[in-house]
Amino acid sequence: MSAADAETKPEEGEKAEVPVSGELLYCGGTNWDLLGRMGASNATNLVSPTRLLPLVGVDIRFVASGCTSCHCVALDVEGRCYTWGRNEKGQLGQGDTLQRSLPTIVSELSKYKIIRAGAGKNHTVVITDEGKSLSFGMNKHGQLGTGSVKNEIEPSPVMCLVSQATNAACGADFTVWLSSVEGSSILTAGLPQYGQLGHGTNNEYNSKDGSVRLVYEPQPRPRAISAFSGKTVVKVACGTNHTVAVDSNGFVYTWGFGGYGRLGHREQKDEWVPRLVEVFQKQNVLPPNALVSAGSVNSACTASGGQLYMWGKLKPKADDWMYPKPVMDLSGWNIRCMDSGHMHHIVGAETSCISWGHAQYGELGYGPEGQKSSANPKKVDILEGMHVMSAACGTGLSLIVVDRTNAGDRLDELEVFDGESSFEGTQENKTGNASTTKNASKKNANSSGSKKQKGNDSDSSESHEEDDGSASEDDEDLNGEVDGVKRKWGGRTSSRGRGRGAKRGRPRSQTTGSDEPGPKKSTSGRGRGRGRGRGKSAKRAKSSR
């Protein structure tokens, strides 16, 4: 999901800034029916950054996906909204449940100028330049913010009950809006199960008298978080079931599901109201240009000096970081943009694109000869020297926007995906990845005629969670299972610091495996720290996140 920053409007009499824009590149899976699901084929993955035919030459200003999303959103400088990917619950806003393999304009938004967007597991929320918010997709838990759950699926855009909206971010089944209304700078709606709405309750009750089955009352009407009544929230990001926010003073707050230390409080308990993250105080408050992102099981932000901090589960089989720690591999880098997906991360810094994490579909962009996953930050060699302007990560996918002015003719050397290999029976190249077409015309082609495939919109789950099988193979469950490793909340969880002599500085090159040349940093003075925590409740119901 994109890191959500508050949209700043020019003062009266000032000239509005021209939005920064560039060329969109995509890497990751293209088989939308199977992406993130058991048995997904690797034959249709774009393992190198690739241009998408309908957006070749189009000036893209904003991209969005989410750590639980298998669909994408792109906004151009004219305010047009493009969506593509999985559409089983109408999350593309096209008025149907047919998937789109290529970016397609949302025609019902054509009368608006869309400037921001957020994507959840099965829903999408957009913001207009006039402060209106519209949403589409799954509404089972009220995550569309319409004030009602009467219609479980809304395949076309509907109006949200939020005024003067400036931004939106989506978790799996909830939505957070930022607003310029004084005293109501942040509002939430949707599933309240882990306190991710920040209202001090999870709205839990028994489904019927004498039943032990618990259900969670949806909150379809956006409601301001009272804990921020005297503050102004300027940045927000959402994980699967947790939220990270930054106020105008640079203080960081987290709330929601606390497993793996993703809230940064040195313990694993859920937080039902916003709680201040102690690390970011005094001399280490976040500057106005700070970035914030949230993955499925982790959180990140840039603090003073541009230092990147992360916390939560960063590697499938490593110790959890129970509180924010600096990512020393990126010390000294001027980080311009970043985002976190299911278990991978993308950073745009200086003239490099850097990625790392656990990946299955080529979403790190290392190419057919590169490695699939990386425990440490590595440069995407094919984009070296390019200026990455924005990025968004989803489940098994990455969206990267690069500046054309300093890319020169190198963009023409990248392949162009025409969508023809997204389905069964299409051609595959020798590497087993999706076929692409080189040097396609730069003239924009409307993608409304792209191939479509009907999604399965059945809902067979009897639990509160949508059991549509969209969880990744290594998706966590609510009891903390990642890659088959089970954790018991209330048990001990250690968080170790980096050992002595660990190298700092530039990320390693993926081709040479050696450290990039640069000023050497001191390697001493690094200790170890442990964070232990017990959840408040002794038992947690199992369900897929």
Protein backbone atom coordinates (compact mmCIF):
# COMPACT_ATOMS: atom_id res chain seq x y z
CA MET A 1 0.00 0.00 0.00
CA SER A 2 1.23 3.51 -0.67
CA ALA A 3 2.41 5.51 2.28
CA ALA A 4 -0.39 7.97 2.79
CA ASP A 5 0.66 11.56 3.21
CA ALA A 6 -1.73 14.43 3.78
CA GLU A 7 -2.44 16.34 0.57
CA THR A 8 -1.33 19.93 0.97
CA LYS A 9 -3.44 22.48 -0.84
CA PRO A 10 -1.93 25.77 -2.06
CA GLU A 11 -2.89 28.93 -0.23
CA GLU A 12 -5.21 31.35 -1.96
CA GLY A 13 -3.27 33.34 -4.54
CA GLU A 14 -0.50 30.76 -4.76
CA LYS A 15 0.10 28.84 -7.93
CA ALA A 16 -0.78 25.17 -7.62
CA GLU A 17 2.16 22.83 -7.96
CA VAL A 18 2.37 20.66 -11.04
CA PRO A 19 1.98 17.06 -9.83
CA VAL A 20 5.08 14.93 -10.12
CA SER A 21 4.55 12.13 -12.62
CA GLY A 22 6.36 9.46 -14.57
CA GLU A 23 6.20 6.07 -16.30
CA LEU A 24 4.65 3.13 -14.46
CA LEU A 25 6.54 -0.17 -14.28
CA TYR A 26 5.13 -3.42 -12.94
CA CYS A 27 6.73 -6.60 -11.63
CA GLY A 28 5.09 -9.62 -10.05
CA GLY A 29 2.36 -12.10 -10.84
CA THR A 30 -0.16 -11.73 -13.67
CA ASN A 31 -2.33 -14.80 -13.09
CA TRP A 32 -4.86 -12.95 -10.97
CA ASP A 33 -7.04 -15.98 -10.25
CA LEU A 34 -4.17 -17.78 -8.54
CA LEU A 35 -2.00 -14.90 -7.28
CA GLY A 36 -1.31 -15.37 -3.58
CA ARG A 37 -3.18 -18.66 -3.47
CA MET A 38 -2.09 -22.24 -3.04
CA GLY A 39 -0.88 -23.88 -6.22
CA ALA A 40 -0.21 -20.61 -8.06
CA SER A 41 1.80 -21.13 -11.25
CA ASN A 42 5.05 -19.25 -11.75
CA ALA A 43 4.66 -19.33 -15.53
CA THR A 44 3.00 -15.92 -15.77
CA ASN A 45 5.25 -13.81 -13.56
CA LEU A 46 6.93 -10.60 -14.71
CA VAL A 47 10.20 -10.90 -12.83
CA SER A 48 11.73 -7.67 -14.22
CA PRO A 49 10.19 -4.17 -14.14
CA THR A 50 7.92 -4.08 -17.19
CA ARG A 51 5.82 -1.42 -18.85
CA LEU A 52 2.10 -2.04 -19.26
CA LEU A 53 0.75 -1.40 -22.75
CA PRO A 54 -2.20 0.89 -21.89
CA LEU A 55 0.03 3.14 -19.74
CA VAL A 56 3.03 3.47 -22.04
CA GLY A 57 3.66 7.21 -22.26
CA VAL A 58 0.92 8.07 -19.74
CA ASP A 59 1.95 10.46 -16.94
CA ILE A 60 1.18 8.56 -13.72
CA ARG A 61 1.20 10.63 -10.52
CA PHE A 62 0.08 8.09 -7.90
CA VAL A 63 -0.09 4.31 -7.49
CA ALA A 64 -1.74 2.19 -4.82
CA SER A 65 -2.10 -1.42 -3.80
CA GLY A 66 -2.11 -3.05 -0.37
CA CYS A 67 -0.36 -5.74 1.64
CA THR A 68 -3.45 -7.95 1.22
CA SER A 69 -4.42 -6.66 -2.25
CA CYS A 70 -4.28 -8.58 -5.51
CA HIS A 71 -5.40 -5.56 -7.49
CA CYS A 72 -3.82 -2.24 -8.45
CA VAL A 73 -4.78 1.42 -8.82
CA ALA A 74 -2.98 4.08 -10.85
CA LEU A 75 -3.89 7.78 -11.18
CA ASP A 76 -2.66 10.01 -14.00
CA VAL A 77 -2.06 13.76 -13.95
CA GLU A 78 -5.48 14.41 -15.50
CA GLY A 79 -7.19 12.70 -12.56
CA ARG A 80 -8.18 9.53 -14.42
CA CYS A 81 -8.30 6.36 -12.36
CA TYR A 82 -7.05 3.05 -13.78
CA THR A 83 -7.63 -0.30 -12.06
CA TRP A 84 -6.67 -3.89 -12.89
CA GLY A 85 -6.19 -7.27 -11.25
CA ARG A 86 -8.52 -9.50 -9.25
CA ASN A 87 -12.14 -8.36 -9.22
CA GLU A 88 -14.18 -11.07 -7.51
CA LYS A 89 -15.83 -8.55 -5.20
CA GLY A 90 -16.05 -5.60 -7.59
CA GLN A 91 -12.92 -3.96 -6.18
CA LEU A 92 -11.98 -2.55 -9.60
CA GLY A 93 -15.08 -0.34 -9.71
CA GLN A 94 -15.94 -1.37 -13.27
CA GLY A 95 -19.55 -2.29 -12.46
CA ASP A 96 -18.94 -6.03 -12.70
CA THR A 97 -16.83 -8.84 -11.22
CA LEU A 98 -14.72 -9.54 -14.31
CA GLN A 99 -10.98 -9.38 -13.77
CA ARG A 100 -8.82 -7.04 -15.86
CA SER A 101 -5.33 -8.11 -16.88
CA LEU A 102 -4.34 -4.57 -17.90
CA PRO A 103 -5.06 -1.06 -16.55
CA THR A 104 -8.60 0.00 -17.41
CA ILE A 105 -10.13 3.43 -16.83
CA VAL A 106 -12.93 3.51 -14.24
CA SER A 107 -15.52 5.22 -16.43
CA GLU A 108 -17.88 6.10 -13.58
CA LEU A 109 -15.14 8.24 -12.03
CA SER A 110 -14.57 10.22 -15.23
CA LYS A 111 -16.44 13.27 -13.91
CA TYR A 112 -14.06 13.51 -10.94
CA LYS A 113 -10.39 14.33 -10.70
CA ILE A 114 -8.95 11.57 -8.52
CA ILE A 115 -5.80 12.51 -6.59
CA ARG A 116 -5.41 9.72 -4.01
CA ALA A 117 -6.40 6.09 -3.57
CA GLY A 118 -6.12 3.18 -1.16
CA ALA A 119 -6.60 -0.56 -1.70
CA GLY A 120 -7.70 -3.25 0.75
CA LYS A 121 -8.12 -6.98 0.35
CA ASN A 122 -11.33 -6.68 -1.64
CA HIS A 123 -12.15 -2.97 -1.71
CA THR A 124 -10.83 0.35 -3.02
CA VAL A 125 -11.25 3.94 -1.82
CA VAL A 126 -10.42 7.07 -3.84
CA ILE A 127 -10.22 10.78 -3.03
CA THR A 128 -11.11 13.65 -5.38
CA ASP A 129 -9.50 17.07 -5.64
CA GLU A 130 -12.68 18.53 -4.09
CA GLY A 131 -12.35 16.46 -0.91
CA LYS A 132 -14.97 13.84 -1.77
CA SER A 133 -14.34 10.15 -1.20
CA LEU A 134 -15.79 7.26 -3.21
CA SER A 135 -15.38 3.53 -2.71
CA PHE A 136 -16.20 0.21 -4.35
CA GLY A 137 -15.84 -3.51 -3.73
CA MET A 138 -16.57 -5.65 -0.68
CA ASN A 139 -18.67 -3.99 2.03
CA LYS A 140 -19.35 -6.93 4.35
CA HIS A 141 -17.79 -5.13 7.34
CA GLY A 142 -18.77 -1.59 6.35
CA GLN A 143 -15.29 -0.81 5.01
CA LEU A 144 -16.69 1.31 2.17
CA GLY A 145 -17.87 3.92 4.67
CA THR A 146 -21.31 4.36 3.15
CA GLY A 147 -23.17 4.11 6.46
CA SER A 148 -24.78 0.80 5.54
CA VAL A 149 -23.90 -2.87 4.98
CA LYS A 150 -27.13 -3.61 3.15
CA ASN A 151 -25.23 -4.25 -0.08
CA GLU A 152 -22.36 -6.63 0.62
CA ILE A 153 -20.76 -5.89 -2.75
CA GLU A 154 -20.67 -2.53 -4.51
CA PRO A 155 -19.06 -3.05 -7.96
CA SER A 156 -19.52 0.62 -8.92
CA PRO A 157 -18.27 3.72 -7.05
CA VAL A 158 -20.45 4.88 -4.17
CA MET A 159 -20.05 7.99 -2.03
CA CYS A 160 -18.42 7.72 1.39
CA LEU A 161 -19.73 9.65 4.40
CA VAL A 162 -16.56 11.71 4.75
CA SER A 163 -16.21 15.42 4.08
CA GLN A 164 -13.07 17.37 3.16
CA ALA A 165 -11.10 14.15 2.72
CA THR A 166 -7.41 14.53 1.89
CA ASN A 167 -6.26 10.91 1.87
CA ALA A 168 -7.26 7.30 2.47
CA ALA A 169 -5.49 4.10 3.44
CA CYS A 170 -6.95 0.60 3.59
CA GLY A 171 -6.30 -2.46 5.71
CA ALA A 172 -7.68 -5.86 4.79
CA ASP A 173 -11.27 -5.06 5.81
CA PHE A 174 -11.18 -1.50 7.15
CA THR A 175 -10.48 2.00 5.89
CA VAL A 176 -8.83 5.09 7.38
CA TRP A 177 -9.49 8.57 6.01
CA LEU A 178 -7.60 11.78 6.67
CA SER A 179 -9.65 14.97 6.66
CA SER A 180 -9.02 18.68 6.91
CA VAL A 181 -11.99 19.08 9.28
CA GLU A 182 -10.71 20.50 12.56
CA GLY A 183 -10.97 17.97 15.38
CA SER A 184 -11.75 15.13 12.97
CA SER A 185 -8.48 14.75 11.11
CA ILE A 186 -8.71 10.94 11.05
CA LEU A 187 -11.79 8.73 10.64
CA THR A 188 -12.20 4.96 10.40
CA ALA A 189 -14.80 2.41 9.32
CA GLY A 190 -14.99 -1.34 8.77
CA LEU A 191 -14.03 -4.41 10.80
CA PRO A 192 -13.23 -3.55 14.47
CA GLN A 193 -12.06 -7.03 15.57
CA TYR A 194 -8.56 -6.14 16.81
CA GLY A 195 -9.13 -2.50 17.70
CA GLN A 196 -7.73 -1.34 14.35
CA LEU A 197 -10.43 1.35 14.16
CA GLY A 198 -8.98 3.04 17.27
CA HIS A 199 -12.26 3.57 19.14
CA GLY A 200 -11.44 1.60 22.28
CA THR A 201 -13.56 -1.44 21.47
CA ASN A 202 -13.64 -4.45 19.19
CA ASN A 203 -17.47 -4.53 19.06
CA GLU A 204 -17.47 -8.23 19.97
CA TYR A 205 -20.62 -10.13 20.92
CA ASN A 206 -22.02 -13.66 20.83
CA SER A 207 -23.80 -14.51 17.62
CA LYS A 208 -26.82 -15.81 19.52
CA ASP A 209 -27.86 -16.66 23.06
CA GLY A 210 -26.07 -19.77 24.29
CA SER A 211 -23.60 -19.70 21.41
CA VAL A 212 -19.84 -19.46 21.91
CA ARG A 213 -19.30 -18.15 18.41
CA LEU A 214 -18.13 -14.55 18.47
CA VAL A 215 -18.92 -11.98 15.82
CA TYR A 216 -17.83 -8.39 15.43
CA GLU A 217 -20.33 -5.67 14.69
CA PRO A 218 -19.42 -3.82 11.49
CA GLN A 219 -18.90 -0.08 11.63
CA PRO A 220 -20.14 1.25 8.27
CA ARG A 221 -20.24 4.92 9.26
CA PRO A 222 -16.83 6.67 9.33
CA ARG A 223 -16.16 7.91 12.84
CA ALA A 224 -13.47 10.29 14.06
CA ILE A 225 -10.96 8.84 16.54
CA SER A 226 -11.51 10.77 19.76
CA ALA A 227 -7.92 10.24 20.93
CA PHE A 228 -6.83 12.63 18.14
CA SER A 229 -9.47 15.30 18.81
CA GLY A 230 -6.83 17.84 19.79
CA LYS A 231 -4.26 16.75 17.21
CA THR A 232 -3.89 16.79 13.46
CA VAL A 233 -2.92 13.52 11.78
CA VAL A 234 -0.93 14.10 8.60
CA LYS A 235 0.23 10.62 7.57
CA VAL A 236 -1.26 7.15 7.85
CA ALA A 237 -0.59 3.60 6.66
CA CYS A 238 -2.46 0.34 7.24
CA GLY A 239 -1.35 -3.24 7.57
CA THR A 240 -3.70 -6.20 7.48
CA ASN A 241 -5.23 -5.36 10.87
CA HIS A 242 -3.11 -2.54 12.28
CA THR A 243 -2.65 1.16 11.69
CA VAL A 244 0.32 3.55 11.86
CA ALA A 245 -0.24 7.31 12.01
CA VAL A 246 1.90 10.44 12.38
CA ASP A 247 0.63 13.76 13.76
CA SER A 248 1.73 17.27 12.83
CA ASN A 249 4.27 17.29 15.68
CA GLY A 250 6.08 14.26 14.28
CA PHE A 251 4.86 11.77 16.89
CA VAL A 252 4.09 8.22 15.76
CA TYR A 253 1.06 6.24 16.98
CA THR A 254 0.06 2.63 16.32
CA TRP A 255 -2.96 0.52 17.19
CA GLY A 256 -4.74 -2.69 16.22
CA PHE A 257 -3.38 -6.24 16.11
CA GLY A 258 -0.15 -6.50 18.09
CA GLY A 259 1.34 -9.82 17.00
CA TYR A 260 5.05 -10.01 16.09
CA GLY A 261 5.67 -6.59 17.60
CA ARG A 262 4.30 -4.76 14.57
CA LEU A 263 3.00 -1.96 16.83
CA GLY A 264 6.48 -1.23 18.18
CA HIS A 265 5.60 -1.25 21.90
CA ARG A 266 7.94 -4.08 23.00
CA GLU A 267 4.95 -6.34 23.59
CA GLN A 268 2.45 -8.25 21.49
CA LYS A 269 -0.88 -7.17 22.92
CA ASP A 270 -3.56 -5.59 20.79
CA GLU A 271 -4.14 -1.87 21.19
CA TRP A 272 -7.70 -0.62 20.86
CA VAL A 273 -6.79 3.07 20.97
CA PRO A 274 -3.80 4.90 19.44
CA ARG A 275 -0.64 4.44 21.50
CA LEU A 276 2.46 6.59 21.21
CA VAL A 277 5.58 4.79 19.96
CA GLU A 278 8.20 5.80 22.52
CA VAL A 279 11.21 5.61 20.19
CA PHE A 280 10.04 8.60 18.15
CA GLN A 281 10.13 11.38 20.74
CA LYS A 282 12.37 14.26 21.78
CA GLN A 283 15.22 14.48 19.26
CA ASN A 284 13.85 11.69 17.10
CA VAL A 285 10.43 12.96 16.08
CA LEU A 286 9.56 12.53 12.43
CA PRO A 287 10.28 15.47 10.09
CA PRO A 288 7.55 16.86 7.81
CA ASN A 289 8.90 14.93 4.81
CA ALA A 290 8.95 11.59 6.64
CA LEU A 291 7.58 8.44 5.02
CA VAL A 292 5.47 5.77 6.69
CA SER A 293 4.38 2.33 5.49
CA ALA A 294 2.87 -0.87 6.87
CA GLY A 295 3.14 -4.45 5.66
CA SER A 296 1.11 -7.47 6.71
CA VAL A 297 3.20 -8.11 9.82
CA ASN A 298 5.53 -5.10 10.07
CA SER A 299 5.74 -1.31 10.03
CA ALA A 300 8.29 1.24 8.84
CA CYS A 301 9.03 4.97 8.78
CA THR A 302 11.85 7.41 8.09
CA ALA A 303 12.89 9.56 11.06
CA SER A 304 15.38 12.37 11.63
CA GLY A 305 18.22 12.40 9.13
CA GLY A 306 16.19 10.20 6.78
CA GLN A 307 17.09 7.05 8.72
CA LEU A 308 14.75 4.15 7.95
CA TYR A 309 13.31 2.34 10.99
CA MET A 310 11.37 -0.92 10.87
CA TRP A 311 9.67 -3.19 13.40
CA GLY A 312 7.61 -6.38 13.48
CA LYS A 313 8.32 -9.55 11.50
CA LEU A 314 10.79 -8.77 8.74
CA LYS A 315 11.93 -12.28 7.80
CA PRO A 316 9.86 -15.48 7.87
CA LYS A 317 12.27 -17.42 10.09
CA ALA A 318 14.06 -14.70 12.04
CA ASP A 319 13.50 -12.99 15.38
CA ASP A 320 10.82 -10.32 15.48
CA TRP A 321 11.76 -6.68 16.02
CA MET A 322 9.56 -5.77 18.96
CA TYR A 323 10.39 -2.06 18.76
CA PRO A 324 11.65 0.25 15.97
CA LYS A 325 15.26 -0.34 14.96
CA PRO A 326 17.29 1.42 12.28
CA VAL A 327 17.91 -0.45 9.03
CA MET A 328 21.65 0.07 8.87
CA ASP A 329 21.99 -1.19 5.29
CA LEU A 330 20.22 1.99 4.17
CA SER A 331 21.94 4.48 6.47
CA GLY A 332 23.03 7.58 4.58
CA TRP A 333 20.65 7.06 1.69
CA ASN A 334 18.24 9.80 0.66
CA ILE A 335 15.02 7.79 0.65
CA ARG A 336 12.44 9.44 -1.56
CA CYS A 337 9.61 6.89 -1.44
CA MET A 338 8.85 3.46 -0.02
CA ASP A 339 6.10 0.94 0.46
CA SER A 340 5.57 -2.50 2.00
CA GLY A 341 3.64 -5.46 0.61
CA HIS A 342 2.79 -8.82 2.10
CA MET A 343 6.39 -9.60 3.08
CA HIS A 344 8.45 -7.44 0.70
CA HIS A 345 9.54 -3.82 0.49
CA ILE A 346 10.39 -1.32 -2.26
CA VAL A 347 12.44 1.85 -1.72
CA GLY A 348 13.33 4.64 -4.13
CA ALA A 349 16.55 6.31 -3.01
CA GLU A 350 18.76 8.74 -4.97
CA THR A 351 19.10 7.14 -8.43
CA SER A 352 18.44 3.57 -7.30
CA CYS A 353 15.47 1.28 -6.78
CA ILE A 354 16.07 -1.02 -3.80
CA SER A 355 13.99 -4.04 -2.84
CA TRP A 356 14.10 -6.93 -0.40
CA GLY A 357 11.94 -9.43 1.43
CA HIS A 358 10.28 -12.79 0.96
CA ALA A 359 8.87 -13.04 -2.57
CA GLN A 360 7.30 -15.71 -4.78
CA TYR A 361 6.20 -13.97 -7.97
CA GLY A 362 9.16 -11.83 -9.04
CA GLU A 363 7.87 -8.78 -7.20
CA LEU A 364 11.42 -7.76 -6.20
CA GLY A 365 12.27 -7.18 -9.88
CA TYR A 366 15.66 -8.90 -9.90
CA GLY A 367 15.09 -10.46 -13.33
CA PRO A 368 15.06 -14.05 -14.64
CA GLU A 369 18.69 -14.61 -13.63
CA GLY A 370 18.33 -12.96 -10.23
CA GLN A 371 17.30 -14.47 -6.95
CA LYS A 372 13.65 -14.73 -5.99
CA SER A 373 13.95 -13.38 -2.43
CA SER A 374 16.50 -11.32 -0.52
CA ALA A 375 16.94 -11.01 3.22
CA ASN A 376 18.82 -7.72 2.80
CA PRO A 377 18.20 -4.60 0.69
CA LYS A 378 19.52 -5.00 -2.87
CA LYS A 379 19.51 -2.76 -5.89
CA VAL A 380 17.29 -3.57 -8.86
CA ASP A 381 20.08 -3.44 -11.43
CA ILE A 382 17.94 -2.84 -14.48
CA LEU A 383 16.65 0.41 -12.92
CA GLU A 384 20.03 1.64 -11.67
CA GLY A 385 20.48 5.32 -12.53
CA MET A 386 16.74 5.93 -12.81
CA HIS A 387 14.86 8.30 -10.52
CA VAL A 388 12.09 6.35 -8.71
CA MET A 389 9.33 8.80 -7.85
CA SER A 390 6.76 6.59 -6.10
CA ALA A 391 6.06 2.94 -5.38
CA ALA A 392 3.30 0.66 -4.14
CA CYS A 393 3.37 -2.99 -3.08
CA GLY A 394 0.64 -5.61 -2.98
CA THR A 395 0.44 -9.37 -2.55
CA GLY A 396 2.93 -10.71 -5.09
CA LEU A 397 3.24 -7.45 -7.01
CA SER A 398 5.07 -4.13 -7.11
CA LEU A 399 4.28 -0.83 -8.86
CA ILE A 400 7.16 1.56 -9.54
CA VAL A 401 6.93 5.02 -11.13
CA VAL A 402 10.15 6.34 -12.68
CA ASP A 403 11.05 9.78 -14.03
CA ARG A 404 11.32 9.78 -17.81
CA THR A 405 13.63 12.79 -17.93
CA ASN A 406 16.66 11.01 -16.50
CA ALA A 407 15.79 7.56 -17.85
CA GLY A 408 16.56 8.61 -21.43
CA ASP A 409 16.17 5.82 -23.96
CA ARG A 410 16.51 3.15 -21.31
CA LEU A 411 12.75 2.91 -20.94
CA ASP A 412 12.53 1.80 -24.55
CA GLU A 413 14.75 -1.14 -23.67
CA LEU A 414 12.26 -2.42 -21.11
CA GLU A 415 9.68 -4.94 -22.22
CA VAL A 416 6.02 -4.08 -22.61
CA PHE A 417 3.34 -6.43 -21.30
CA ASP A 418 0.25 -6.72 -23.48
CA GLY A 419 -1.84 -8.90 -21.18
CA GLU A 420 -2.09 -11.80 -23.60
CA SER A 421 -0.24 -14.28 -21.38
CA SER A 422 -2.34 -13.85 -18.25
CA PHE A 423 -4.53 -16.85 -18.90
CA GLU A 424 -4.28 -20.58 -19.31
CA GLY A 425 -3.03 -21.82 -22.68
CA THR A 426 -1.02 -18.73 -23.61
CA GLN A 427 2.57 -18.68 -24.75
CA GLU A 428 5.48 -18.81 -22.35
CA ASN A 429 9.05 -17.89 -23.07
CA LYS A 430 12.06 -20.06 -22.33
CA THR A 431 12.46 -18.75 -18.80
CA GLY A 432 8.90 -19.74 -17.91
CA ASN A 433 7.82 -16.13 -17.37
CA ALA A 434 5.01 -14.22 -19.01
CA SER A 435 5.62 -13.26 -22.62
CA THR A 436 6.01 -9.58 -23.39
CA THR A 437 6.27 -7.35 -26.42
CA LYS A 438 9.22 -5.00 -26.90
CA ASN A 439 9.09 -1.47 -28.27
CA ALA A 440 5.33 -1.09 -28.26
CA SER A 441 3.88 2.15 -29.53
CA LYS A 442 4.05 4.95 -26.98
CA LYS A 443 0.58 6.07 -27.96
CA ASN A 444 -1.79 5.27 -25.13
CA ALA A 445 -4.29 2.53 -25.91
CA ASN A 446 -7.50 2.34 -23.87
CA SER A 447 -7.48 -1.00 -22.13
CA SER A 448 -11.23 -1.46 -22.08
CA GLY A 449 -10.84 -4.15 -24.72
CA SER A 450 -8.39 -6.22 -22.71
CA LYS A 451 -9.19 -9.85 -21.99
CA LYS A 452 -11.53 -10.45 -19.09
CA GLN A 453 -12.26 -13.47 -17.00
CA LYS A 454 -15.14 -13.85 -14.63
CA GLY A 455 -14.09 -14.13 -11.00
CA ASN A 456 -15.59 -16.36 -8.42
CA ASP A 457 -17.69 -14.13 -6.21
CA SER A 458 -19.14 -16.85 -4.04
CA ASP A 459 -18.85 -16.43 -0.31
CA SER A 460 -18.74 -19.81 1.42
CA SER A 461 -17.26 -18.63 4.70
CA GLU A 462 -19.40 -18.81 7.81
CA SER A 463 -16.94 -16.82 9.88
CA HIS A 464 -16.51 -13.07 10.04
CA GLU A 465 -13.45 -13.28 7.77
CA GLU A 466 -13.91 -13.56 4.00
CA ASP A 467 -12.71 -17.08 3.19
CA ASP A 468 -12.06 -16.66 -0.52
CA GLY A 469 -8.69 -18.31 -0.48
CA SER A 470 -6.84 -15.12 -1.29
CA ALA A 471 -4.32 -15.57 1.47
CA SER A 472 -0.80 -16.27 0.34
CA GLU A 473 0.84 -19.62 0.98
CA ASP A 474 2.90 -17.98 3.66
CA ASP A 475 0.13 -15.75 4.92
CA GLU A 476 -0.07 -15.40 8.66
CA ASP A 477 -3.12 -16.49 10.58
CA LEU A 478 -4.41 -14.73 13.62
CA ASN A 479 -2.45 -17.00 15.92
CA GLY A 480 0.77 -15.99 14.26
CA GLU A 481 1.57 -18.60 11.66
CA VAL A 482 3.99 -17.57 8.94
CA ASP A 483 5.56 -20.11 6.58
CA GLY A 484 4.18 -22.91 8.70
CA VAL A 485 5.90 -21.71 11.88
CA LYS A 486 3.29 -21.40 14.62
CA ARG A 487 3.57 -18.94 17.46
CA LYS A 488 1.57 -18.84 20.66
CA TRP A 489 0.59 -15.38 21.78
CA GLY A 490 1.57 -15.00 25.38
CA GLY A 491 4.73 -17.01 24.77
CA ARG A 492 8.17 -15.51 24.72
CA THR A 493 9.26 -13.67 21.63
CA SER A 494 12.79 -12.39 21.40
CA SER A 495 14.00 -9.42 19.44
CA ARG A 496 17.69 -9.34 18.80
CA GLY A 497 19.75 -6.39 17.71
CA ARG A 498 22.44 -6.68 15.05
CA GLY A 499 25.59 -8.41 16.26
CA ARG A 500 29.01 -6.86 16.52
CA GLY A 501 30.83 -6.16 13.31
CA ALA A 502 27.71 -6.15 11.17
CA LYS A 503 28.24 -3.99 8.10
CA ARG A 504 26.44 -0.72 7.59
CA GLY A 505 26.03 1.51 4.62
CA ARG A 506 25.09 0.76 1.05
CA PRO A 507 22.93 -2.16 0.01
CA ARG A 508 24.65 -5.00 -1.80
CA SER A 509 24.51 -5.27 -5.56
CA GLN A 510 22.43 -8.23 -6.64
CA THR A 511 24.83 -9.15 -9.43
CA THR A 512 28.17 -8.95 -7.68
CA GLY A 513 27.06 -9.60 -4.12
CA SER A 514 29.66 -7.09 -2.94
CA ASP A 515 29.12 -3.91 -0.97
CA GLU A 516 28.76 -0.79 -3.04
CA PRO A 517 31.62 1.67 -2.70
CA GLY A 518 30.94 4.51 -0.34
CA PRO A 519 32.08 6.17 2.85
CA LYS A 520 32.78 3.59 5.50
CA LYS A 521 30.73 3.78 8.65
CA SER A 522 31.70 2.84 12.18
CA THR A 523 30.74 -0.74 13.04
CA SER A 524 31.20 -0.61 16.78
CA GLY A 525 28.79 0.13 19.58
CA ARG A 526 26.09 -2.27 18.57
CA GLY A 527 24.45 -4.28 21.29
CA ARG A 528 21.69 -6.76 21.60
CA GLY A 529 18.19 -6.15 22.85
CA ARG A 530 15.35 -8.44 23.70
CA GLY A 531 11.68 -7.61 23.70
CA ARG A 532 9.33 -9.97 25.46
CA GLY A 533 5.60 -9.59 25.66
CA ARG A 534 2.47 -11.41 26.59
CA GLY A 535 -0.89 -10.80 25.07
CA LYS A 536 -3.70 -9.83 27.39
CA SER A 537 -5.99 -12.59 26.32
CA ALA A 538 -5.01 -16.19 26.86
CA LYS A 539 -6.78 -17.44 23.78
CA ARG A 540 -7.29 -16.14 20.29
CA ALA A 541 -9.69 -17.54 17.75
CA LYS A 542 -8.01 -18.99 14.67
CA SER A 543 -8.90 -17.38 11.38
CA SER A 544 -7.03 -16.38 8.27
CA ARG A 545 -5.81 -12.78 8.13
